[in-house]
Amino acid sequence: MADRFLEGRVAVITGAGRGIGRAIALVLGGAGAALALVERTLAEAADTSRLLQGAGVQCETFACDVREDMQVQTLAAQVMQRFGAVHILVNNAGTAIRKKVHEFTLEEWRLVMETNLTGPWLM
């Protein structure tokens, strides 16, 4: 991307390890943003990080389960310490269970709700 209109900006992207999150990271990084790549484990974001760093994008990986309030608070402090500011937040972390909702166990229901609804609220 020739237009680096996000130069000097910092973006936090949850669920950045694959799929839509990785695609968003590539676009924002290509536009000049520095990136905080967030996944439940650092290993999940490693491939995205390698792709971006290979393209000259400034990025850092952070481990955080968005369902856990204390992990989100720790993430916020770590990102601020590393980058000093956040200008863009992409709440992309999500999960899906591929079966009929009436077949969900309570544990499965909580996993989906806490990841897709509570997690973004905590951010």
PDB file of N, CA and C in Angstrom:
ATOM      1  N   MET A   1       0.853  -1.176   0.000  1.00  0.00           N
ATOM      2  CA  MET A   1       0.000   0.000   0.000  1.00  0.00           C
ATOM      3  C   MET A   1       0.896   1.235   0.000  1.00  0.00           C
ATOM      4  N   ALA A   2       0.771   2.048  -0.998  1.00  0.00           N
ATOM      5  CA  ALA A   2       1.626   3.212  -1.157  1.00  0.00           C
ATOM      6  C   ALA A   2       1.271   4.332  -0.179  1.00  0.00           C
ATOM      7  N   ASP A   3      -0.007   4.460   0.147  1.00  0.00           N
ATOM      8  CA  ASP A   3      -0.454   5.521   1.034  1.00  0.00           C
ATOM      9  C   ASP A   3      -0.314   5.075   2.487  1.00  0.00           C
ATOM     10  N   ARG A   4       0.631   5.655   3.201  1.00  0.00           N
ATOM     11  CA  ARG A   4       0.890   5.266   4.589  1.00  0.00           C
ATOM     12  C   ARG A   4       0.214   6.267   5.540  1.00  0.00           C
ATOM     13  N   PHE A   5      -1.090   6.408   5.377  1.00  0.00           N
ATOM     14  CA  PHE A   5      -1.842   7.408   6.127  1.00  0.00           C
ATOM     15  C   PHE A   5      -1.970   7.080   7.615  1.00  0.00           C
ATOM     16  N   LEU A   6      -1.576   5.881   8.037  1.00  0.00           N
ATOM     17  CA  LEU A   6      -1.632   5.531   9.451  1.00  0.00           C
ATOM     18  C   LEU A   6      -0.262   5.580  10.128  1.00  0.00           C
ATOM     19  N   GLU A   7       0.710   6.161   9.448  1.00  0.00           N
ATOM     20  CA  GLU A   7       2.050   6.320  10.025  1.00  0.00           C
ATOM     21  C   GLU A   7       1.936   7.058  11.351  1.00  0.00           C
ATOM     22  N   GLY A   8       2.596   6.543  12.380  1.00  0.00           N
ATOM     23  CA  GLY A   8       2.554   7.164  13.697  1.00  0.00           C
ATOM     24  C   GLY A   8       1.367   6.742  14.541  1.00  0.00           C
ATOM     25  N   ARG A   9       0.521   5.898  14.016  1.00  0.00           N
ATOM     26  CA  ARG A   9      -0.648   5.404  14.750  1.00  0.00           C
ATOM     27  C   ARG A   9      -0.373   3.995  15.253  1.00  0.00           C
ATOM     28  N   VAL A  10      -1.060   3.615  16.323  1.00  0.00           N
ATOM     29  CA  VAL A  10      -0.920   2.285  16.910  1.00  0.00           C
ATOM     30  C   VAL A  10      -2.284   1.609  16.897  1.00  0.00           C
ATOM     31  N   ALA A  11      -2.302   0.368  16.427  1.00  0.00           N
ATOM     32  CA  ALA A  11      -3.533  -0.414  16.398  1.00  0.00           C
ATOM     33  C   ALA A  11      -3.371  -1.663  17.250  1.00  0.00           C
ATOM     34  N   VAL A  12      -4.401  -1.958  18.035  1.00  0.00           N
ATOM     35  CA  VAL A  12      -4.490  -3.202  18.796  1.00  0.00           C
ATOM     36  C   VAL A  12      -5.503  -4.078  18.074  1.00  0.00           C
ATOM     37  N   ILE A  13      -5.091  -5.306  17.747  1.00  0.00           N
ATOM     38  CA  ILE A  13      -5.974  -6.224  17.024  1.00  0.00           C
ATOM     39  C   ILE A  13      -6.075  -7.521  17.810  1.00  0.00           C
ATOM     40  N   THR A  14      -7.273  -7.825  18.320  1.00  0.00           N
ATOM     41  CA  THR A  14      -7.471  -9.113  18.983  1.00  0.00           C
ATOM     42  C   THR A  14      -7.814 -10.148  17.915  1.00  0.00           C
ATOM     43  N   GLY A  15      -7.471 -11.385  18.196  1.00  0.00           N
ATOM     44  CA  GLY A  15      -7.699 -12.438  17.206  1.00  0.00           C
ATOM     45  C   GLY A  15      -6.855 -12.246  15.969  1.00  0.00           C
ATOM     46  N   ALA A  16      -5.620 -11.772  16.153  1.00  0.00           N
ATOM     47  CA  ALA A  16      -4.761 -11.384  15.033  1.00  0.00           C
ATOM     48  C   ALA A  16      -3.978 -12.540  14.428  1.00  0.00           C
ATOM     49  N   GLY A  17      -4.140 -13.731  14.941  1.00  0.00           N
ATOM     50  CA  GLY A  17      -3.314 -14.845  14.497  1.00  0.00           C
ATOM     51  C   GLY A  17      -3.681 -15.469  13.166  1.00  0.00           C
ATOM     52  N   ARG A  18      -4.902 -15.280  12.723  1.00  0.00           N
ATOM     53  CA  ARG A  18      -5.320 -15.906  11.469  1.00  0.00           C
ATOM     54  C   ARG A  18      -6.593 -15.236  10.954  1.00  0.00           C
ATOM     55  N   GLY A  19      -7.010 -15.642   9.777  1.00  0.00           N
ATOM     56  CA  GLY A  19      -8.284 -15.209   9.224  1.00  0.00           C
ATOM     57  C   GLY A  19      -8.430 -13.708   9.088  1.00  0.00           C
ATOM     58  N   ILE A  20      -9.583 -13.229   9.518  1.00  0.00           N
ATOM     59  CA  ILE A  20      -9.911 -11.807   9.396  1.00  0.00           C
ATOM     60  C   ILE A  20      -8.923 -10.944  10.178  1.00  0.00           C
ATOM     61  N   GLY A  21      -8.540 -11.383  11.375  1.00  0.00           N
ATOM     62  CA  GLY A  21      -7.592 -10.613  12.186  1.00  0.00           C
ATOM     63  C   GLY A  21      -6.257 -10.440  11.492  1.00  0.00           C
ATOM     64  N   ARG A  22      -5.769 -11.516  10.866  1.00  0.00           N
ATOM     65  CA  ARG A  22      -4.501 -11.422  10.132  1.00  0.00           C
ATOM     66  C   ARG A  22      -4.656 -10.482   8.940  1.00  0.00           C
ATOM     67  N   ALA A  23      -5.753 -10.585   8.224  1.00  0.00           N
ATOM     68  CA  ALA A  23      -5.977  -9.715   7.064  1.00  0.00           C
ATOM     69  C   ALA A  23      -6.026  -8.247   7.483  1.00  0.00           C
ATOM     70  N   ILE A  24      -6.699  -7.960   8.576  1.00  0.00           N
ATOM     71  CA  ILE A  24      -6.770  -6.584   9.076  1.00  0.00           C
ATOM     72  C   ILE A  24      -5.376  -6.100   9.460  1.00  0.00           C
ATOM     73  N   ALA A  25      -4.601  -6.963  10.116  1.00  0.00           N
ATOM     74  CA  ALA A  25      -3.235  -6.590  10.509  1.00  0.00           C
ATOM     75  C   ALA A  25      -2.390  -6.258   9.285  1.00  0.00           C
ATOM     76  N   LEU A  26      -2.507  -7.047   8.242  1.00  0.00           N
ATOM     77  CA  LEU A  26      -1.728  -6.789   7.031  1.00  0.00           C
ATOM     78  C   LEU A  26      -2.108  -5.455   6.393  1.00  0.00           C
ATOM     79  N   VAL A  27      -3.383  -5.145   6.382  1.00  0.00           N
ATOM     80  CA  VAL A  27      -3.834  -3.877   5.786  1.00  0.00           C
ATOM     81  C   VAL A  27      -3.402  -2.685   6.636  1.00  0.00           C
ATOM     82  N   LEU A  28      -3.638  -2.765   7.952  1.00  0.00           N
ATOM     83  CA  LEU A  28      -3.268  -1.640   8.819  1.00  0.00           C
ATOM     84  C   LEU A  28      -1.753  -1.450   8.850  1.00  0.00           C
ATOM     85  N   GLY A  29      -1.015  -2.552   8.908  1.00  0.00           N
ATOM     86  CA  GLY A  29       0.446  -2.461   8.865  1.00  0.00           C
ATOM     87  C   GLY A  29       0.931  -1.876   7.556  1.00  0.00           C
ATOM     88  N   GLY A  30       0.297  -2.267   6.462  1.00  0.00           N
ATOM     89  CA  GLY A  30       0.650  -1.728   5.154  1.00  0.00           C
ATOM     90  C   GLY A  30       0.363  -0.245   5.032  1.00  0.00           C
ATOM     91  N   ALA A  31      -0.593   0.221   5.833  1.00  0.00           N
ATOM     92  CA  ALA A  31      -0.932   1.644   5.832  1.00  0.00           C
ATOM     93  C   ALA A  31      -0.063   2.434   6.811  1.00  0.00           C
ATOM     94  N   GLY A  32       0.904   1.750   7.451  1.00  0.00           N
ATOM     95  CA  GLY A  32       1.865   2.457   8.292  1.00  0.00           C
ATOM     96  C   GLY A  32       1.670   2.340   9.780  1.00  0.00           C
ATOM     97  N   ALA A  33       0.601   1.685  10.240  1.00  0.00           N
ATOM     98  CA  ALA A  33       0.357   1.585  11.682  1.00  0.00           C
ATOM     99  C   ALA A  33       1.337   0.618  12.340  1.00  0.00           C
ATOM    100  N   ALA A  34       1.721   0.921  13.556  1.00  0.00           N
ATOM    101  CA  ALA A  34       2.422  -0.037  14.414  1.00  0.00           C
ATOM    102  C   ALA A  34       1.333  -0.896  15.045  1.00  0.00           C
ATOM    103  N   LEU A  35       1.624  -2.191  15.232  1.00  0.00           N
ATOM    104  CA  LEU A  35       0.563  -3.113  15.624  1.00  0.00           C
ATOM    105  C   LEU A  35       0.856  -3.876  16.903  1.00  0.00           C
ATOM    106  N   ALA A  36      -0.164  -3.992  17.746  1.00  0.00           N
ATOM    107  CA  ALA A  36      -0.161  -4.896  18.891  1.00  0.00           C
ATOM    108  C   ALA A  36      -1.047  -6.067  18.488  1.00  0.00           C
ATOM    109  N   LEU A  37      -0.427  -7.212  18.236  1.00  0.00           N
ATOM    110  CA  LEU A  37      -1.134  -8.411  17.800  1.00  0.00           C
ATOM    111  C   LEU A  37      -1.504  -9.235  19.026  1.00  0.00           C
ATOM    112  N   VAL A  38      -2.789  -9.450  19.234  1.00  0.00           N
ATOM    113  CA  VAL A  38      -3.253 -10.107  20.453  1.00  0.00           C
ATOM    114  C   VAL A  38      -3.898 -11.443  20.112  1.00  0.00           C
ATOM    115  N   GLU A  39      -3.468 -12.463  20.833  1.00  0.00           N
ATOM    116  CA  GLU A  39      -4.029 -13.814  20.732  1.00  0.00           C
ATOM    117  C   GLU A  39      -4.003 -14.444  22.113  1.00  0.00           C
ATOM    118  N   ARG A  40      -4.693 -15.563  22.279  1.00  0.00           N
ATOM    119  CA  ARG A  40      -4.669 -16.248  23.573  1.00  0.00           C
ATOM    120  C   ARG A  40      -3.265 -16.723  23.928  1.00  0.00           C
ATOM    121  N   THR A  41      -2.501 -17.147  22.928  1.00  0.00           N
ATOM    122  CA  THR A  41      -1.111 -17.538  23.180  1.00  0.00           C
ATOM    123  C   THR A  41      -0.227 -16.837  22.156  1.00  0.00           C
ATOM    124  N   LEU A  42       1.000 -16.584  22.551  1.00  0.00           N
ATOM    125  CA  LEU A  42       1.942 -15.915  21.641  1.00  0.00           C
ATOM    126  C   LEU A  42       2.169 -16.728  20.376  1.00  0.00           C
ATOM    127  N   ALA A  43       2.176 -18.054  20.501  1.00  0.00           N
ATOM    128  CA  ALA A  43       2.413 -18.906  19.334  1.00  0.00           C
ATOM    129  C   ALA A  43       1.356 -18.698  18.259  1.00  0.00           C
ATOM    130  N   GLU A  44       0.127 -18.398  18.653  1.00  0.00           N
ATOM    131  CA  GLU A  44      -0.951 -18.209  17.686  1.00  0.00           C
ATOM    132  C   GLU A  44      -0.724 -16.975  16.806  1.00  0.00           C
ATOM    133  N   ALA A  45      -0.044 -15.988  17.316  1.00  0.00           N
ATOM    134  CA  ALA A  45       0.199 -14.752  16.561  1.00  0.00           C
ATOM    135  C   ALA A  45       1.550 -14.748  15.851  1.00  0.00           C
ATOM    136  N   ALA A  46       2.343 -15.785  16.055  1.00  0.00           N
ATOM    137  CA  ALA A  46       3.724 -15.798  15.536  1.00  0.00           C
ATOM    138  C   ALA A  46       3.792 -15.695  14.015  1.00  0.00           C
ATOM    139  N   ASP A  47       2.949 -16.436  13.296  1.00  0.00           N
ATOM    140  CA  ASP A  47       2.992 -16.382  11.829  1.00  0.00           C
ATOM    141  C   ASP A  47       2.617 -15.001  11.309  1.00  0.00           C
ATOM    142  N   THR A  48       1.599 -14.403  11.899  1.00  0.00           N
ATOM    143  CA  THR A  48       1.202 -13.057  11.491  1.00  0.00           C
ATOM    144  C   THR A  48       2.339 -12.082  11.749  1.00  0.00           C
ATOM    145  N   SER A  49       2.963 -12.200  12.896  1.00  0.00           N
ATOM    146  CA  SER A  49       4.080 -11.326  13.250  1.00  0.00           C
ATOM    147  C   SER A  49       5.224 -11.473  12.242  1.00  0.00           C
ATOM    148  N   ARG A  50       5.569 -12.703  11.888  1.00  0.00           N
ATOM    149  CA  ARG A  50       6.650 -12.928  10.914  1.00  0.00           C
ATOM    150  C   ARG A  50       6.319 -12.306   9.557  1.00  0.00           C
ATOM    151  N   LEU A  51       5.086 -12.462   9.111  1.00  0.00           N
ATOM    152  CA  LEU A  51       4.679 -11.852   7.840  1.00  0.00           C
ATOM    153  C   LEU A  51       4.844 -10.339   7.870  1.00  0.00           C
ATOM    154  N   LEU A  52       4.386  -9.732   8.945  1.00  0.00           N
ATOM    155  CA  LEU A  52       4.440  -8.280   9.069  1.00  0.00           C
ATOM    156  C   LEU A  52       5.868  -7.771   9.203  1.00  0.00           C
ATOM    157  N   GLN A  53       6.649  -8.411  10.043  1.00  0.00           N
ATOM    158  CA  GLN A  53       8.031  -7.976  10.220  1.00  0.00           C
ATOM    159  C   GLN A  53       8.814  -8.139   8.922  1.00  0.00           C
ATOM    160  N   GLY A  54       8.511  -9.178   8.151  1.00  0.00           N
ATOM    161  CA  GLY A  54       9.147  -9.366   6.850  1.00  0.00           C
ATOM    162  C   GLY A  54       8.822  -8.250   5.873  1.00  0.00           C
ATOM    163  N   ALA A  55       7.682  -7.604   6.088  1.00  0.00           N
ATOM    164  CA  ALA A  55       7.273  -6.478   5.250  1.00  0.00           C
ATOM    165  C   ALA A  55       7.685  -5.138   5.861  1.00  0.00           C
ATOM    166  N   GLY A  56       8.457  -5.186   6.960  1.00  0.00           N
ATOM    167  CA  GLY A  56       8.934  -3.950   7.569  1.00  0.00           C
ATOM    168  C   GLY A  56       7.950  -3.275   8.505  1.00  0.00           C
ATOM    169  N   VAL A  57       6.924  -3.989   8.937  1.00  0.00           N
ATOM    170  CA  VAL A  57       5.921  -3.411   9.830  1.00  0.00           C
ATOM    171  C   VAL A  57       6.366  -3.587  11.277  1.00  0.00           C
ATOM    172  N   GLN A  58       6.255  -2.512  12.059  1.00  0.00           N
ATOM    173  CA  GLN A  58       6.564  -2.573  13.486  1.00  0.00           C
ATOM    174  C   GLN A  58       5.398  -3.248  14.190  1.00  0.00           C
ATOM    175  N   CYS A  59       5.668  -4.393  14.840  1.00  0.00           N
ATOM    176  CA  CYS A  59       4.600  -5.081  15.553  1.00  0.00           C
ATOM    177  C   CYS A  59       5.156  -5.844  16.742  1.00  0.00           C
ATOM    178  N   GLU A  60       4.264  -6.132  17.661  1.00  0.00           N
ATOM    179  CA  GLU A  60       4.616  -6.880  18.865  1.00  0.00           C
ATOM    180  C   GLU A  60       3.438  -7.802  19.161  1.00  0.00           C
ATOM    181  N   THR A  61       3.727  -9.005  19.663  1.00  0.00           N
ATOM    182  CA  THR A  61       2.661  -9.934  20.015  1.00  0.00           C
ATOM    183  C   THR A  61       2.410  -9.902  21.517  1.00  0.00           C
ATOM    184  N   PHE A  62       1.151 -10.088  21.877  1.00  0.00           N
ATOM    185  CA  PHE A  62       0.732 -10.096  23.269  1.00  0.00           C
ATOM    186  C   PHE A  62      -0.237 -11.248  23.485  1.00  0.00           C
ATOM    187  N   ALA A  63      -0.082 -11.955  24.596  1.00  0.00           N
ATOM    188  CA  ALA A  63      -1.002 -13.030  24.952  1.00  0.00           C
ATOM    189  C   ALA A  63      -2.097 -12.471  25.852  1.00  0.00           C
ATOM    190  N   CYS A  64      -3.349 -12.759  25.484  1.00  0.00           N
ATOM    191  CA  CYS A  64      -4.474 -12.300  26.304  1.00  0.00           C
ATOM    192  C   CYS A  64      -5.718 -13.099  25.929  1.00  0.00           C
ATOM    193  N   ASP A  65      -6.391 -13.628  26.926  1.00  0.00           N
ATOM    194  CA  ASP A  65      -7.706 -14.236  26.738  1.00  0.00           C
ATOM    195  C   ASP A  65      -8.707 -13.132  27.059  1.00  0.00           C
ATOM    196  N   VAL A  66      -9.413 -12.645  26.065  1.00  0.00           N
ATOM    197  CA  VAL A  66     -10.295 -11.486  26.258  1.00  0.00           C
ATOM    198  C   VAL A  66     -11.449 -11.776  27.206  1.00  0.00           C
ATOM    199  N   ARG A  67     -11.646 -13.031  27.577  1.00  0.00           N
ATOM    200  CA  ARG A  67     -12.695 -13.384  28.546  1.00  0.00           C
ATOM    201  C   ARG A  67     -12.273 -13.071  29.972  1.00  0.00           C
ATOM    202  N   GLU A  68     -10.983 -12.819  30.186  1.00  0.00           N
ATOM    203  CA  GLU A  68     -10.447 -12.644  31.537  1.00  0.00           C
ATOM    204  C   GLU A  68     -10.106 -11.177  31.799  1.00  0.00           C
ATOM    205  N   ASP A  69     -10.858 -10.564  32.698  1.00  0.00           N
ATOM    206  CA  ASP A  69     -10.706  -9.135  33.020  1.00  0.00           C
ATOM    207  C   ASP A  69      -9.261  -8.765  33.379  1.00  0.00           C
ATOM    208  N   MET A  70      -8.630  -9.544  34.222  1.00  0.00           N
ATOM    209  CA  MET A  70      -7.263  -9.214  34.650  1.00  0.00           C
ATOM    210  C   MET A  70      -6.276  -9.298  33.477  1.00  0.00           C
ATOM    211  N   GLN A  71      -6.485 -10.240  32.574  1.00  0.00           N
ATOM    212  CA  GLN A  71      -5.613 -10.331  31.408  1.00  0.00           C
ATOM    213  C   GLN A  71      -5.806  -9.123  30.495  1.00  0.00           C
ATOM    214  N   VAL A  72      -7.028  -8.649  30.357  1.00  0.00           N
ATOM    215  CA  VAL A  72      -7.290  -7.464  29.530  1.00  0.00           C
ATOM    216  C   VAL A  72      -6.636  -6.239  30.160  1.00  0.00           C
ATOM    217  N   GLN A  73      -6.723  -6.104  31.473  1.00  0.00           N
ATOM    218  CA  GLN A  73      -6.078  -4.979  32.144  1.00  0.00           C
ATOM    219  C   GLN A  73      -4.551  -5.038  31.987  1.00  0.00           C
ATOM    220  N   THR A  74      -4.001  -6.237  32.105  1.00  0.00           N
ATOM    221  CA  THR A  74      -2.559  -6.406  31.920  1.00  0.00           C
ATOM    222  C   THR A  74      -2.166  -6.074  30.487  1.00  0.00           C
ATOM    223  N   LEU A  75      -2.951  -6.526  29.537  1.00  0.00           N
ATOM    224  CA  LEU A  75      -2.706  -6.215  28.122  1.00  0.00           C
ATOM    225  C   LEU A  75      -2.664  -4.707  27.908  1.00  0.00           C
ATOM    226  N   ALA A  76      -3.651  -4.007  28.435  1.00  0.00           N
ATOM    227  CA  ALA A  76      -3.706  -2.552  28.261  1.00  0.00           C
ATOM    228  C   ALA A  76      -2.436  -1.895  28.794  1.00  0.00           C
ATOM    229  N   ALA A  77      -1.995  -2.318  29.966  1.00  0.00           N
ATOM    230  CA  ALA A  77      -0.783  -1.742  30.551  1.00  0.00           C
ATOM    231  C   ALA A  77       0.450  -2.074  29.705  1.00  0.00           C
ATOM    232  N   GLN A  78       0.540  -3.310  29.223  1.00  0.00           N
ATOM    233  CA  GLN A  78       1.687  -3.715  28.406  1.00  0.00           C
ATOM    234  C   GLN A  78       1.730  -2.942  27.081  1.00  0.00           C
ATOM    235  N   VAL A  79       0.593  -2.789  26.446  1.00  0.00           N
ATOM    236  CA  VAL A  79       0.543  -2.068  25.166  1.00  0.00           C
ATOM    237  C   VAL A  79       0.907  -0.599  25.374  1.00  0.00           C
ATOM    238  N   MET A  80       0.390   0.006  26.424  1.00  0.00           N
ATOM    239  CA  MET A  80       0.716   1.402  26.695  1.00  0.00           C
ATOM    240  C   MET A  80       2.204   1.558  27.006  1.00  0.00           C
ATOM    241  N   GLN A  81       2.766   0.622  27.742  1.00  0.00           N
ATOM    242  CA  GLN A  81       4.196   0.687  28.051  1.00  0.00           C
ATOM    243  C   GLN A  81       5.019   0.547  26.776  1.00  0.00           C
ATOM    244  N   ARG A  82       4.612  -0.340  25.903  1.00  0.00           N
ATOM    245  CA  ARG A  82       5.385  -0.601  24.680  1.00  0.00           C
ATOM    246  C   ARG A  82       5.220   0.509  23.641  1.00  0.00           C
ATOM    247  N   PHE A  83       3.983   0.978  23.429  1.00  0.00           N
ATOM    248  CA  PHE A  83       3.706   1.916  22.345  1.00  0.00           C
ATOM    249  C   PHE A  83       3.370   3.331  22.802  1.00  0.00           C
ATOM    250  N   GLY A  84       2.972   3.503  24.051  1.00  0.00           N
ATOM    251  CA  GLY A  84       2.677   4.835  24.567  1.00  0.00           C
ATOM    252  C   GLY A  84       1.281   5.344  24.300  1.00  0.00           C
ATOM    253  N   ALA A  85       0.612   4.806  23.301  1.00  0.00           N
ATOM    254  CA  ALA A  85      -0.743   5.254  22.967  1.00  0.00           C
ATOM    255  C   ALA A  85      -1.407   4.197  22.108  1.00  0.00           C
ATOM    256  N   VAL A  86      -2.727   4.246  22.056  1.00  0.00           N
ATOM    257  CA  VAL A  86      -3.504   3.393  21.143  1.00  0.00           C
ATOM    258  C   VAL A  86      -4.476   4.291  20.403  1.00  0.00           C
ATOM    259  N   HIS A  87      -4.470   4.167  19.085  1.00  0.00           N
ATOM    260  CA  HIS A  87      -5.346   4.984  18.252  1.00  0.00           C
ATOM    261  C   HIS A  87      -6.466   4.185  17.604  1.00  0.00           C
ATOM    262  N   ILE A  88      -6.244   2.878  17.445  1.00  0.00           N
ATOM    263  CA  ILE A  88      -7.210   2.017  16.764  1.00  0.00           C
ATOM    264  C   ILE A  88      -7.353   0.737  17.581  1.00  0.00           C
ATOM    265  N   LEU A  89      -8.594   0.297  17.817  1.00  0.00           N
ATOM    266  CA  LEU A  89      -8.854  -0.972  18.473  1.00  0.00           C
ATOM    267  C   LEU A  89      -9.748  -1.802  17.563  1.00  0.00           C
ATOM    268  N   VAL A  90      -9.275  -2.991  17.200  1.00  0.00           N
ATOM    269  CA  VAL A  90     -10.060  -3.929  16.399  1.00  0.00           C
ATOM    270  C   VAL A  90     -10.381  -5.118  17.295  1.00  0.00           C
ATOM    271  N   ASN A  91     -11.619  -5.161  17.791  1.00  0.00           N
ATOM    272  CA  ASN A  91     -12.084  -6.267  18.637  1.00  0.00           C
ATOM    273  C   ASN A  91     -12.530  -7.407  17.734  1.00  0.00           C
ATOM    274  N   ASN A  92     -11.575  -8.196  17.283  1.00  0.00           N
ATOM    275  CA  ASN A  92     -11.848  -9.246  16.320  1.00  0.00           C
ATOM    276  C   ASN A  92     -11.913 -10.636  16.948  1.00  0.00           C
ATOM    277  N   ALA A  93     -11.442 -10.807  18.172  1.00  0.00           N
ATOM    278  CA  ALA A  93     -11.456 -12.134  18.794  1.00  0.00           C
ATOM    279  C   ALA A  93     -12.882 -12.658  18.834  1.00  0.00           C
ATOM    280  N   GLY A  94     -13.025 -13.906  18.494  1.00  0.00           N
ATOM    281  CA  GLY A  94     -14.352 -14.513  18.515  1.00  0.00           C
ATOM    282  C   GLY A  94     -14.240 -16.019  18.394  1.00  0.00           C
ATOM    283  N   THR A  95     -15.325 -16.676  18.707  1.00  0.00           N
ATOM    284  CA  THR A  95     -15.362 -18.124  18.581  1.00  0.00           C
ATOM    285  C   THR A  95     -16.742 -18.558  18.149  1.00  0.00           C
ATOM    286  N   ALA A  96     -16.802 -19.740  17.582  1.00  0.00           N
ATOM    287  CA  ALA A  96     -18.079 -20.312  17.155  1.00  0.00           C
ATOM    288  C   ALA A  96     -18.034 -21.810  17.399  1.00  0.00           C
ATOM    289  N   ILE A  97     -19.155 -22.357  17.778  1.00  0.00           N
ATOM    290  CA  ILE A  97     -19.298 -23.801  17.909  1.00  0.00           C
ATOM    291  C   ILE A  97     -20.307 -24.223  16.855  1.00  0.00           C
ATOM    292  N   ARG A  98     -19.924 -25.122  16.020  1.00  0.00           N
ATOM    293  CA  ARG A  98     -20.722 -25.483  14.863  1.00  0.00           C
ATOM    294  C   ARG A  98     -21.710 -26.615  15.188  1.00  0.00           C
ATOM    295  N   LYS A  99     -22.730 -26.235  15.924  1.00  0.00           N
ATOM    296  CA  LYS A  99     -23.856 -27.131  16.160  1.00  0.00           C
ATOM    297  C   LYS A  99     -25.050 -26.280  16.563  1.00  0.00           C
ATOM    298  N   LYS A 100     -26.205 -26.883  16.616  1.00  0.00           N
ATOM    299  CA  LYS A 100     -27.419 -26.142  16.951  1.00  0.00           C
ATOM    300  C   LYS A 100     -27.335 -25.638  18.388  1.00  0.00           C
ATOM    301  N   VAL A 101     -27.810 -24.413  18.588  1.00  0.00           N
ATOM    302  CA  VAL A 101     -27.666 -23.769  19.891  1.00  0.00           C
ATOM    303  C   VAL A 101     -28.343 -24.583  20.991  1.00  0.00           C
ATOM    304  N   HIS A 102     -29.436 -25.247  20.698  1.00  0.00           N
ATOM    305  CA  HIS A 102     -30.112 -26.028  21.745  1.00  0.00           C
ATOM    306  C   HIS A 102     -29.325 -27.295  22.113  1.00  0.00           C
ATOM    307  N   GLU A 103     -28.271 -27.603  21.362  1.00  0.00           N
ATOM    308  CA  GLU A 103     -27.397 -28.739  21.683  1.00  0.00           C
ATOM    309  C   GLU A 103     -26.165 -28.312  22.481  1.00  0.00           C
ATOM    310  N   PHE A 104     -25.974 -27.014  22.695  1.00  0.00           N
ATOM    311  CA  PHE A 104     -24.830 -26.520  23.459  1.00  0.00           C
ATOM    312  C   PHE A 104     -24.907 -27.005  24.905  1.00  0.00           C
ATOM    313  N   THR A 105     -23.744 -27.312  25.456  1.00  0.00           N
ATOM    314  CA  THR A 105     -23.652 -27.482  26.903  1.00  0.00           C
ATOM    315  C   THR A 105     -23.559 -26.081  27.508  1.00  0.00           C
ATOM    316  N   LEU A 106     -23.761 -25.987  28.808  1.00  0.00           N
ATOM    317  CA  LEU A 106     -23.629 -24.686  29.467  1.00  0.00           C
ATOM    318  C   LEU A 106     -22.210 -24.159  29.313  1.00  0.00           C
ATOM    319  N   GLU A 107     -21.231 -25.040  29.400  1.00  0.00           N
ATOM    320  CA  GLU A 107     -19.828 -24.625  29.232  1.00  0.00           C
ATOM    321  C   GLU A 107     -19.581 -24.053  27.832  1.00  0.00           C
ATOM    322  N   GLU A 108     -20.133 -24.691  26.809  1.00  0.00           N
ATOM    323  CA  GLU A 108     -19.972 -24.188  25.435  1.00  0.00           C
ATOM    324  C   GLU A 108     -20.661 -22.838  25.272  1.00  0.00           C
ATOM    325  N   TRP A 109     -21.859 -22.704  25.837  1.00  0.00           N
ATOM    326  CA  TRP A 109     -22.590 -21.441  25.765  1.00  0.00           C
ATOM    327  C   TRP A 109     -21.771 -20.319  26.401  1.00  0.00           C
ATOM    328  N   ARG A 110     -21.221 -20.579  27.578  1.00  0.00           N
ATOM    329  CA  ARG A 110     -20.414 -19.572  28.272  1.00  0.00           C
ATOM    330  C   ARG A 110     -19.170 -19.208  27.476  1.00  0.00           C
ATOM    331  N   LEU A 111     -18.514 -20.194  26.864  1.00  0.00           N
ATOM    332  CA  LEU A 111     -17.336 -19.929  26.050  1.00  0.00           C
ATOM    333  C   LEU A 111     -17.661 -18.945  24.921  1.00  0.00           C
ATOM    334  N   VAL A 112     -18.740 -19.196  24.216  1.00  0.00           N
ATOM    335  CA  VAL A 112     -19.125 -18.328  23.101  1.00  0.00           C
ATOM    336  C   VAL A 112     -19.520 -16.938  23.601  1.00  0.00           C
ATOM    337  N   MET A 113     -20.351 -16.865  24.616  1.00  0.00           N
ATOM    338  CA  MET A 113     -20.817 -15.570  25.124  1.00  0.00           C
ATOM    339  C   MET A 113     -19.674 -14.757  25.731  1.00  0.00           C
ATOM    340  N   GLU A 114     -18.811 -15.403  26.497  1.00  0.00           N
ATOM    341  CA  GLU A 114     -17.718 -14.667  27.135  1.00  0.00           C
ATOM    342  C   GLU A 114     -16.687 -14.188  26.125  1.00  0.00           C
ATOM    343  N   THR A 115     -16.473 -14.955  25.064  1.00  0.00           N
ATOM    344  CA  THR A 115     -15.518 -14.536  24.041  1.00  0.00           C
ATOM    345  C   THR A 115     -16.112 -13.458  23.135  1.00  0.00           C
ATOM    346  N   ASN A 116     -17.319 -13.678  22.658  1.00  0.00           N
ATOM    347  CA  ASN A 116     -17.895 -12.797  21.643  1.00  0.00           C
ATOM    348  C   ASN A 116     -18.602 -11.568  22.207  1.00  0.00           C
ATOM    349  N   LEU A 117     -19.093 -11.634  23.433  1.00  0.00           N
ATOM    350  CA  LEU A 117     -19.823 -10.490  23.997  1.00  0.00           C
ATOM    351  C   LEU A 117     -19.103  -9.847  25.176  1.00  0.00           C
ATOM    352  N   THR A 118     -18.720 -10.620  26.154  1.00  0.00           N
ATOM    353  CA  THR A 118     -18.066 -10.063  27.329  1.00  0.00           C
ATOM    354  C   THR A 118     -16.665  -9.545  26.982  1.00  0.00           C
ATOM    355  N   GLY A 119     -15.908 -10.307  26.221  1.00  0.00           N
ATOM    356  CA  GLY A 119     -14.549  -9.902  25.853  1.00  0.00           C
ATOM    357  C   GLY A 119     -14.493  -8.516  25.247  1.00  0.00           C
ATOM    358  N   PRO A 120     -15.278  -8.243  24.192  1.00  0.00           N
ATOM    359  CA  PRO A 120     -15.244  -6.893  23.618  1.00  0.00           C
ATOM    360  C   PRO A 120     -15.690  -5.815  24.598  1.00  0.00           C
ATOM    361  N   TRP A 121     -16.602  -6.142  25.507  1.00  0.00           N
ATOM    362  CA  TRP A 121     -17.039  -5.167  26.508  1.00  0.00           C
ATOM    363  C   TRP A 121     -15.884  -4.815  27.443  1.00  0.00           C
ATOM    364  N   LEU A 122     -15.042  -5.818  27.784  1.00  0.00           N
ATOM    365  CA  LEU A 122     -13.916  -5.569  28.674  1.00  0.00           C
ATOM    366  C   LEU A 122     -12.862  -4.681  28.015  1.00  0.00           C
ATOM    367  N   MET A 123     -12.735  -4.786  26.713  1.00  0.00           N
ATOM    368  CA  MET A 123     -11.714  -4.019  26.004  1.00  0.00           C
ATOM    369  C   MET A 123     -12.054  -2.549  26.075  1.00  0.00           C
TER     370      MET A 123
END
